[in-house]
N, C-alpha and C. Protein backbone atom coordinates (compact mmCIF):
# COMPACT_ATOMS: atom_id res chain seq x y z
N UNK A 1 0.84 -1.19 0.00
CA UNK A 1 0.00 0.00 0.00
C UNK A 1 0.88 1.25 0.00
N UNK A 2 0.44 2.22 -0.72
CA UNK A 2 1.12 3.52 -0.76
C UNK A 2 0.19 4.56 -0.16
N UNK A 3 0.76 5.48 0.58
CA UNK A 3 -0.03 6.54 1.23
C UNK A 3 0.13 7.84 0.46
N UNK A 4 -0.98 8.55 0.30
CA UNK A 4 -1.01 9.83 -0.42
C UNK A 4 -1.84 10.83 0.35
N UNK A 5 -1.62 12.09 0.02
CA UNK A 5 -2.49 13.18 0.46
C UNK A 5 -2.82 14.03 -0.76
N UNK A 6 -4.05 14.49 -0.81
CA UNK A 6 -4.44 15.43 -1.85
C UNK A 6 -4.93 16.68 -1.15
N UNK A 7 -4.31 17.81 -1.47
CA UNK A 7 -4.74 19.10 -0.94
C UNK A 7 -5.47 19.82 -2.06
N UNK A 8 -6.65 20.32 -1.75
CA UNK A 8 -7.43 21.03 -2.75
C UNK A 8 -7.82 22.41 -2.23
N UNK A 9 -7.94 23.32 -3.17
CA UNK A 9 -8.48 24.65 -2.88
C UNK A 9 -9.70 24.81 -3.77
N UNK A 10 -10.86 24.95 -3.13
CA UNK A 10 -12.13 25.11 -3.85
C UNK A 10 -12.50 26.59 -3.93
N UNK A 11 -13.33 26.91 -4.87
CA UNK A 11 -13.75 28.29 -5.13
C UNK A 11 -14.45 28.89 -3.91
N UNK A 12 -14.22 30.18 -3.64
CA UNK A 12 -14.81 30.82 -2.46
C UNK A 12 -16.31 31.07 -2.58
N UNK A 13 -16.87 30.99 -3.79
CA UNK A 13 -18.30 31.24 -3.97
C UNK A 13 -19.16 30.09 -3.43
N UNK A 14 -18.54 28.93 -3.21
CA UNK A 14 -19.28 27.79 -2.71
C UNK A 14 -19.79 28.05 -1.29
N UNK A 15 -20.92 27.48 -0.98
CA UNK A 15 -21.40 27.49 0.40
C UNK A 15 -20.65 26.40 1.15
N UNK A 16 -20.63 26.49 2.47
CA UNK A 16 -19.93 25.49 3.29
C UNK A 16 -20.44 24.08 3.01
N UNK A 17 -21.74 23.93 2.84
CA UNK A 17 -22.35 22.62 2.57
C UNK A 17 -21.89 22.09 1.22
N UNK A 18 -21.82 22.96 0.22
CA UNK A 18 -21.37 22.54 -1.11
C UNK A 18 -19.90 22.13 -1.07
N UNK A 19 -19.09 22.87 -0.32
CA UNK A 19 -17.68 22.54 -0.17
C UNK A 19 -17.51 21.15 0.44
N UNK A 20 -18.26 20.88 1.52
CA UNK A 20 -18.18 19.56 2.16
C UNK A 20 -18.63 18.46 1.20
N UNK A 21 -19.65 18.73 0.39
CA UNK A 21 -20.12 17.75 -0.58
C UNK A 21 -19.05 17.46 -1.63
N UNK A 22 -18.33 18.49 -2.07
CA UNK A 22 -17.26 18.30 -3.06
C UNK A 22 -16.13 17.45 -2.48
N UNK A 23 -15.80 17.67 -1.21
CA UNK A 23 -14.76 16.87 -0.57
C UNK A 23 -15.24 15.43 -0.40
N UNK A 24 -16.51 15.24 -0.09
CA UNK A 24 -17.08 13.89 0.00
C UNK A 24 -17.03 13.20 -1.36
N UNK A 25 -17.21 13.95 -2.44
CA UNK A 25 -17.11 13.38 -3.79
C UNK A 25 -15.70 12.86 -4.06
N UNK A 26 -14.70 13.55 -3.54
CA UNK A 26 -13.31 13.08 -3.69
C UNK A 26 -13.17 11.72 -3.01
N UNK A 27 -13.68 11.62 -1.79
CA UNK A 27 -13.62 10.35 -1.07
C UNK A 27 -14.38 9.24 -1.78
N UNK A 28 -15.54 9.57 -2.36
CA UNK A 28 -16.33 8.58 -3.08
C UNK A 28 -15.60 8.11 -4.34
N UNK A 29 -14.97 9.03 -5.06
CA UNK A 29 -14.21 8.66 -6.25
C UNK A 29 -13.07 7.72 -5.88
N UNK A 30 -12.35 8.05 -4.79
CA UNK A 30 -11.25 7.20 -4.36
C UNK A 30 -11.75 5.83 -3.93
N UNK A 31 -12.85 5.80 -3.19
CA UNK A 31 -13.41 4.53 -2.75
C UNK A 31 -13.85 3.65 -3.91
N UNK A 32 -14.42 4.28 -4.94
CA UNK A 32 -14.85 3.54 -6.12
C UNK A 32 -13.67 2.95 -6.89
N UNK A 33 -12.49 3.54 -6.73
CA UNK A 33 -11.29 3.06 -7.43
C UNK A 33 -10.45 2.14 -6.56
N UNK A 34 -10.96 1.75 -5.38
CA UNK A 34 -10.25 0.80 -4.53
C UNK A 34 -9.32 1.42 -3.51
N UNK A 35 -9.31 2.72 -3.40
CA UNK A 35 -8.47 3.39 -2.40
C UNK A 35 -9.21 3.46 -1.07
N UNK A 36 -8.48 3.60 0.01
CA UNK A 36 -9.07 3.70 1.34
C UNK A 36 -8.75 5.08 1.91
N UNK A 37 -9.78 5.90 2.14
CA UNK A 37 -9.60 7.22 2.73
C UNK A 37 -9.32 7.04 4.21
N UNK A 38 -8.19 7.56 4.69
CA UNK A 38 -7.81 7.39 6.09
C UNK A 38 -8.10 8.62 6.94
N UNK A 39 -8.14 9.81 6.32
CA UNK A 39 -8.38 11.02 7.08
C UNK A 39 -8.85 12.13 6.14
N UNK A 40 -9.73 12.97 6.66
CA UNK A 40 -10.19 14.14 5.92
C UNK A 40 -10.07 15.34 6.85
N UNK A 41 -9.36 16.36 6.42
CA UNK A 41 -9.14 17.55 7.23
C UNK A 41 -9.66 18.76 6.46
N UNK A 42 -10.73 19.36 6.95
CA UNK A 42 -11.31 20.54 6.31
C UNK A 42 -10.77 21.79 7.01
N UNK A 43 -10.05 22.60 6.28
CA UNK A 43 -9.44 23.79 6.87
C UNK A 43 -10.38 24.99 6.81
N UNK A 44 -11.38 24.94 5.95
CA UNK A 44 -12.29 26.06 5.81
C UNK A 44 -11.77 27.11 4.85
N UNK A 45 -12.37 28.30 4.90
CA UNK A 45 -11.99 29.37 3.98
C UNK A 45 -10.76 30.09 4.52
N UNK A 46 -9.74 30.22 3.66
CA UNK A 46 -8.49 30.89 4.02
C UNK A 46 -8.13 31.91 2.96
N UNK A 47 -7.40 32.91 3.38
CA UNK A 47 -6.92 33.95 2.48
C UNK A 47 -5.62 33.48 1.83
N UNK A 48 -5.46 33.75 0.54
CA UNK A 48 -4.25 33.38 -0.19
C UNK A 48 -3.12 34.35 0.11
N UNK A 49 -1.90 33.86 -0.02
CA UNK A 49 -0.74 34.73 0.12
C UNK A 49 -0.59 35.61 -1.12
N UNK A 50 -1.09 35.14 -2.25
CA UNK A 50 -1.08 35.91 -3.50
C UNK A 50 -2.32 35.55 -4.29
N UNK A 51 -2.69 36.37 -5.21
CA UNK A 51 -3.90 36.19 -6.00
C UNK A 51 -3.74 35.03 -6.98
N UNK A 52 -4.78 34.19 -7.07
CA UNK A 52 -4.82 33.08 -8.02
C UNK A 52 -6.07 33.26 -8.87
N UNK A 53 -5.88 33.42 -10.17
CA UNK A 53 -7.02 33.59 -11.09
C UNK A 53 -7.97 34.69 -10.63
N UNK A 54 -7.42 35.79 -10.17
CA UNK A 54 -8.17 36.96 -9.70
C UNK A 54 -8.99 36.67 -8.44
N UNK A 55 -8.64 35.64 -7.70
CA UNK A 55 -9.30 35.29 -6.45
C UNK A 55 -8.32 35.50 -5.29
N UNK A 56 -8.84 35.86 -4.13
CA UNK A 56 -7.97 36.12 -2.98
C UNK A 56 -8.20 35.15 -1.83
N UNK A 57 -9.19 34.26 -1.94
CA UNK A 57 -9.43 33.27 -0.89
C UNK A 57 -10.09 32.03 -1.48
N UNK A 58 -10.08 30.96 -0.70
CA UNK A 58 -10.69 29.72 -1.13
C UNK A 58 -10.83 28.75 0.03
N UNK A 59 -11.59 27.68 -0.19
CA UNK A 59 -11.79 26.64 0.82
C UNK A 59 -10.70 25.58 0.66
N UNK A 60 -9.98 25.30 1.74
CA UNK A 60 -8.90 24.32 1.73
C UNK A 60 -9.36 23.00 2.34
N UNK A 61 -8.85 21.90 1.79
CA UNK A 61 -9.08 20.58 2.38
C UNK A 61 -7.88 19.69 2.10
N UNK A 62 -7.66 18.73 3.00
CA UNK A 62 -6.62 17.72 2.82
C UNK A 62 -7.26 16.36 3.06
N UNK A 63 -7.12 15.47 2.08
CA UNK A 63 -7.65 14.11 2.20
C UNK A 63 -6.48 13.15 2.11
N UNK A 64 -6.31 12.32 3.15
CA UNK A 64 -5.27 11.29 3.16
C UNK A 64 -5.89 9.97 2.75
N UNK A 65 -5.15 9.20 1.95
CA UNK A 65 -5.69 7.92 1.48
C UNK A 65 -4.57 6.95 1.16
N UNK A 66 -4.92 5.67 1.18
CA UNK A 66 -3.99 4.59 0.85
C UNK A 66 -4.45 3.92 -0.43
N UNK A 67 -3.48 3.57 -1.28
CA UNK A 67 -3.77 2.95 -2.58
C UNK A 67 -2.86 1.74 -2.72
N UNK A 68 -3.37 0.69 -3.36
CA UNK A 68 -2.53 -0.45 -3.68
C UNK A 68 -1.53 -0.03 -4.75
N UNK A 69 -0.72 -0.95 -5.18
CA UNK A 69 0.32 -0.64 -6.18
C UNK A 69 -0.25 -0.11 -7.49
N UNK A 70 -1.51 -0.44 -7.79
CA UNK A 70 -2.16 0.04 -9.00
C UNK A 70 -2.49 1.52 -8.84
N UNK A 71 -1.95 2.39 -9.68
CA UNK A 71 -2.08 3.84 -9.51
C UNK A 71 -3.23 4.45 -10.30
N UNK A 72 -4.17 3.67 -10.77
CA UNK A 72 -5.27 4.25 -11.53
C UNK A 72 -6.12 5.19 -10.69
N UNK A 73 -6.23 4.93 -9.38
CA UNK A 73 -7.02 5.81 -8.51
C UNK A 73 -6.40 7.20 -8.46
N UNK A 74 -5.09 7.28 -8.38
CA UNK A 74 -4.40 8.58 -8.33
C UNK A 74 -4.54 9.31 -9.66
N UNK A 75 -4.38 8.60 -10.75
CA UNK A 75 -4.52 9.21 -12.08
C UNK A 75 -5.94 9.70 -12.32
N UNK A 76 -6.92 8.88 -11.92
CA UNK A 76 -8.32 9.27 -12.10
C UNK A 76 -8.67 10.48 -11.24
N UNK A 77 -8.15 10.52 -10.01
CA UNK A 77 -8.39 11.66 -9.13
C UNK A 77 -7.79 12.93 -9.72
N UNK A 78 -6.56 12.84 -10.21
CA UNK A 78 -5.89 13.99 -10.81
C UNK A 78 -6.69 14.51 -12.01
N UNK A 79 -7.16 13.61 -12.84
CA UNK A 79 -7.93 13.99 -14.02
C UNK A 79 -9.25 14.67 -13.61
N UNK A 80 -9.94 14.09 -12.63
CA UNK A 80 -11.22 14.65 -12.18
C UNK A 80 -11.04 16.04 -11.57
N UNK A 81 -9.98 16.23 -10.79
CA UNK A 81 -9.76 17.54 -10.17
C UNK A 81 -9.33 18.58 -11.20
N UNK A 82 -8.59 18.16 -12.22
CA UNK A 82 -8.22 19.08 -13.30
C UNK A 82 -9.45 19.57 -14.06
N UNK A 83 -10.45 18.71 -14.22
CA UNK A 83 -11.64 19.06 -14.98
C UNK A 83 -12.71 19.78 -14.15
N UNK A 84 -12.59 19.73 -12.84
CA UNK A 84 -13.61 20.31 -11.96
C UNK A 84 -13.55 21.84 -11.97
N UNK A 85 -14.69 22.47 -12.19
CA UNK A 85 -14.76 23.93 -12.14
C UNK A 85 -14.70 24.46 -10.72
N UNK A 86 -15.03 23.63 -9.74
CA UNK A 86 -15.07 24.06 -8.34
C UNK A 86 -13.67 24.09 -7.72
N UNK A 87 -12.69 23.43 -8.34
CA UNK A 87 -11.34 23.35 -7.77
C UNK A 87 -10.44 24.38 -8.44
N UNK A 88 -9.83 25.23 -7.62
CA UNK A 88 -8.89 26.23 -8.13
C UNK A 88 -7.52 25.60 -8.34
N UNK A 89 -7.03 24.90 -7.32
CA UNK A 89 -5.73 24.23 -7.36
C UNK A 89 -5.83 22.93 -6.58
N UNK A 90 -4.96 21.97 -6.94
CA UNK A 90 -4.85 20.75 -6.16
C UNK A 90 -3.42 20.22 -6.27
N UNK A 91 -3.05 19.43 -5.28
CA UNK A 91 -1.71 18.84 -5.26
C UNK A 91 -1.82 17.46 -4.62
N UNK A 92 -1.33 16.43 -5.31
CA UNK A 92 -1.32 15.08 -4.78
C UNK A 92 0.12 14.73 -4.44
N UNK A 93 0.35 14.30 -3.19
CA UNK A 93 1.69 14.03 -2.70
C UNK A 93 1.73 12.64 -2.09
N UNK A 94 2.76 11.88 -2.41
CA UNK A 94 2.96 10.57 -1.78
C UNK A 94 3.61 10.81 -0.42
N UNK A 95 3.05 10.24 0.63
CA UNK A 95 3.53 10.55 1.98
C UNK A 95 4.32 9.43 2.62
N UNK A 96 4.31 8.21 2.07
CA UNK A 96 5.11 7.15 2.69
C UNK A 96 6.56 7.28 2.27
N UNK A 97 7.44 6.56 2.94
CA UNK A 97 8.89 6.74 2.73
C UNK A 97 9.43 5.98 1.55
N UNK A 98 8.70 5.03 1.01
CA UNK A 98 9.24 4.19 -0.08
C UNK A 98 9.24 4.89 -1.39
């Protein structure tokens, strides 16, 4: 198993409920691809250090998950977040030492 974290910044126009639903969708996508979500950390709305796409704040979240050696879950997640209009930025990082 490999451990990963995905940090996302969602658009500030979203309501808190919509933001939580979008993060739940990330977990559902990972679960459907055989990954196991181990932790979800919602940071809420934060101000950016610099402007991104003419925006100055966004909703932050970090989702930790474990994936087997098959990396299709990570690729599918990256593709889905790239296509999502609600996500401003995202970063997927492998957190285990191997």
